[in-house]
Amino acid sequence: MTALNKVIVVGGGLSGLSAAHTVLEQGGNVLVVDKNAFLGGNSTKATSGINGALTRTQVKKGVTDSTDAFLKDTISSSTGGNPNAPSYPLAEVLVNESAPAVEWLIDSFGLDLSLLGRLGGHSFPRTHRGKERFPGMTITYALMEKLEAIQDAAPERATII
C-alpha cells in the first residue's frame, strides 16, 4: 500500500472504527465516512459489554469457558435451541476471534474490561466491561478519540468525514 492510497471505511461505529485502526496498524491510510455528524453509531448505546471466550480476564478469574461452549450458546440463542440447526460460519469467526478482539481493545486502547457478567443465553460469564455505566460508549469513544488524535497529528494517515 503506498502513502497515496487510502482505504475507505463506511461507518464510524465500533466495526468501522475497528476496521480503520486495523488499516492504520498495518501501515495503511484510512478515510472514514459516516452519515452522521458524529461517530459512534449504535455501538454507543450498548449497555452490557463485549463478549469473549478464553480471555485473560476469564483465565485470571478462573472461568472455565471455551469457544465450543460460546459457539453452542450463540447458535442456541439464534435458533431458539433448535438441535438440528445448520452450521454458522460467521458465528464460528465471532467466537474464535472473540478473545483476541477483547485483548486488542484492552492492549491498544487502554480499556478496562476487567469485569465479567453472565448474561442471558450464556453458560459462562463472558461479557466484559469496566466500571463505567455505558460500556459501548466507553469502548467506541476510546477508538474514536485515538482516530481523531491520529487525524490531528497526521491528516495524511487518517481522515474523518
Protein backbone atom coordinates (compact mmCIF):
# COMPACT_ATOMS: atom_id res chain seq x y z
CA MET A 1 0.00 0.00 0.00
CA THR A 2 1.53 3.34 -0.99
CA ALA A 3 1.23 6.53 1.00
CA LEU A 4 -1.16 7.92 -1.60
CA ASN A 5 -3.69 5.13 -1.21
CA LYS A 6 -6.45 5.28 1.37
CA VAL A 7 -8.80 2.57 2.43
CA ILE A 8 -12.34 3.91 2.66
CA VAL A 9 -14.30 2.73 5.67
CA VAL A 10 -18.03 3.39 5.55
CA GLY A 11 -19.49 3.86 9.02
CA GLY A 12 -17.98 5.14 12.23
CA GLY A 13 -19.46 2.70 14.70
CA LEU A 14 -17.41 0.12 16.55
CA SER A 15 -16.98 -2.04 13.44
CA GLY A 16 -15.91 0.85 11.24
CA LEU A 17 -13.57 2.29 13.86
CA SER A 18 -12.06 -1.16 14.42
CA ALA A 19 -11.52 -1.53 10.67
CA ALA A 20 -9.93 1.92 10.48
CA HIS A 21 -7.49 1.15 13.29
CA THR A 22 -6.63 -2.20 11.73
CA VAL A 23 -5.75 -0.44 8.47
CA LEU A 24 -3.59 2.05 10.37
CA GLU A 25 -1.86 -0.71 12.37
CA GLN A 26 -0.98 -2.43 9.10
CA GLY A 27 0.65 0.75 7.79
CA GLY A 28 -2.21 1.89 5.59
CA ASN A 29 -4.06 5.18 5.44
CA VAL A 30 -7.76 5.49 6.04
CA LEU A 31 -10.74 7.65 5.19
CA VAL A 32 -13.73 7.07 7.49
CA VAL A 33 -17.08 8.27 6.15
CA ASP A 34 -20.17 8.41 8.36
CA LYS A 35 -23.68 9.65 7.59
CA ASN A 36 -23.97 11.33 10.99
CA ALA A 37 -22.25 14.46 12.24
CA PHE A 38 -20.63 12.36 14.96
CA LEU A 39 -19.07 8.91 15.14
CA GLY A 40 -20.22 6.02 17.30
CA GLY A 41 -23.29 4.52 15.68
CA ASN A 42 -25.43 2.05 17.60
CA SER A 43 -22.39 0.73 19.43
CA THR A 44 -22.51 3.71 21.78
CA LYS A 45 -25.90 2.50 23.02
CA ALA A 46 -24.65 -0.92 24.13
CA THR A 47 -25.11 -1.24 27.88
CA SER A 48 -23.86 -4.77 28.54
CA GLY A 49 -20.28 -5.04 27.28
CA ILE A 50 -18.44 -7.20 24.79
CA ASN A 51 -18.46 -10.99 24.78
CA GLY A 52 -15.31 -13.05 24.64
CA ALA A 53 -14.29 -16.61 25.49
CA LEU A 54 -10.84 -17.63 26.74
CA THR A 55 -9.73 -14.08 27.53
CA ARG A 56 -7.03 -13.18 30.03
CA THR A 57 -9.76 -11.77 32.27
CA GLN A 58 -11.62 -15.09 32.30
CA VAL A 59 -8.44 -17.05 32.93
CA LYS A 60 -7.43 -14.71 35.78
CA LYS A 61 -10.87 -15.13 37.38
CA GLY A 62 -10.88 -18.92 36.96
CA VAL A 63 -13.74 -19.05 34.43
CA THR A 64 -13.56 -22.36 32.56
CA ASP A 65 -15.27 -21.15 29.38
CA SER A 66 -14.46 -22.48 25.91
CA THR A 67 -15.04 -21.46 22.32
CA ASP A 68 -17.14 -24.61 21.90
CA ALA A 69 -19.45 -23.51 24.72
CA PHE A 70 -19.63 -19.97 23.33
CA LEU A 71 -20.50 -21.32 19.86
CA LYS A 72 -23.15 -23.64 21.28
CA ASP A 73 -24.69 -20.75 23.25
CA THR A 74 -24.61 -18.47 20.21
CA ILE A 75 -26.27 -20.98 17.90
CA SER A 76 -28.82 -21.96 20.54
CA SER A 77 -29.74 -18.32 21.13
CA SER A 78 -30.08 -17.60 17.42
CA THR A 79 -32.16 -20.68 16.62
CA GLY A 80 -34.35 -20.94 19.71
CA GLY A 81 -32.47 -24.06 20.76
CA ASN A 82 -33.05 -25.98 17.53
CA PRO A 83 -30.87 -29.12 17.82
CA ASN A 84 -30.88 -29.50 14.01
CA ALA A 85 -29.57 -26.01 13.35
CA PRO A 86 -27.19 -25.72 10.40
CA SER A 87 -23.61 -24.62 10.84
CA TYR A 88 -22.94 -20.93 11.23
CA PRO A 89 -19.53 -19.97 9.80
CA LEU A 90 -19.84 -16.33 10.91
CA ALA A 91 -20.69 -17.43 14.43
CA GLU A 92 -17.52 -19.52 14.40
CA VAL A 93 -15.48 -16.45 13.42
CA LEU A 94 -17.18 -14.38 16.13
CA VAL A 95 -16.47 -16.99 18.78
CA ASN A 96 -12.93 -17.92 17.75
CA GLU A 97 -11.79 -14.31 17.34
CA SER A 98 -13.56 -13.02 20.46
CA ALA A 99 -10.61 -13.30 22.86
CA PRO A 100 -8.14 -11.59 20.50
CA ALA A 101 -10.72 -8.83 19.93
CA VAL A 102 -11.18 -8.22 23.66
CA GLU A 103 -7.41 -8.29 24.24
CA TRP A 104 -6.86 -5.85 21.34
CA LEU A 105 -9.30 -3.38 22.90
CA ILE A 106 -7.54 -3.65 26.25
CA ASP A 107 -3.98 -3.51 24.89
CA SER A 108 -4.37 -1.00 22.06
CA PHE A 109 -6.81 1.43 23.65
CA GLY A 110 -6.14 1.06 27.37
CA LEU A 111 -9.69 -0.04 28.09
CA ASP A 112 -10.71 -1.56 31.39
CA LEU A 113 -12.64 -4.73 30.55
CA SER A 114 -11.89 -6.45 33.84
CA LEU A 115 -15.46 -7.09 34.98
CA LEU A 116 -17.34 -10.15 33.77
CA GLY A 117 -21.05 -10.81 33.61
CA ARG A 118 -23.12 -13.80 32.64
CA LEU A 119 -25.99 -12.58 30.53
CA GLY A 120 -28.98 -14.36 29.06
CA GLY A 121 -28.13 -17.26 26.79
CA HIS A 122 -24.60 -17.64 28.14
CA SER A 123 -23.44 -20.66 30.08
CA PHE A 124 -20.38 -18.81 31.47
CA PRO A 125 -19.57 -15.23 32.48
CA ARG A 126 -18.10 -13.81 29.25
CA THR A 127 -19.50 -10.31 28.87
CA HIS A 128 -16.57 -7.97 29.51
CA ARG A 129 -16.90 -4.41 30.72
CA GLY A 130 -15.29 -1.89 33.02
CA LYS A 131 -16.82 0.09 35.86
CA GLU A 132 -18.48 2.66 33.58
CA ARG A 133 -22.24 2.75 33.15
CA PHE A 134 -22.29 2.55 29.35
CA PRO A 135 -19.53 0.21 28.13
CA GLY A 136 -20.49 0.52 24.46
CA MET A 137 -19.98 4.26 24.59
CA THR A 138 -16.72 3.88 26.53
CA ILE A 139 -15.31 1.33 24.08
CA THR A 140 -16.39 3.24 20.98
CA TYR A 141 -15.16 6.58 22.33
CA ALA A 142 -11.71 5.15 23.02
CA LEU A 143 -11.37 4.13 19.36
CA MET A 144 -12.88 7.40 18.15
CA GLU A 145 -10.58 9.55 20.29
CA LYS A 146 -7.48 7.69 19.13
CA LEU A 147 -8.54 8.02 15.48
CA GLU A 148 -9.17 11.74 15.93
CA ALA A 149 -5.73 12.12 17.55
CA ILE A 150 -4.12 10.38 14.58
CA GLN A 151 -6.06 12.63 12.20
CA ASP A 152 -4.86 15.72 14.07
CA ALA A 153 -1.24 14.55 14.16
CA ALA A 154 -1.05 13.05 10.67
CA PRO A 155 -4.00 14.01 8.46
CA GLU A 156 -2.46 12.12 5.53
CA ARG A 157 -2.87 8.90 7.54
CA ALA A 158 -6.45 9.33 8.77
CA THR A 159 -9.35 11.46 7.62
CA ILE A 160 -12.85 11.53 9.07
CA ILE A 161 -15.79 12.84 7.05
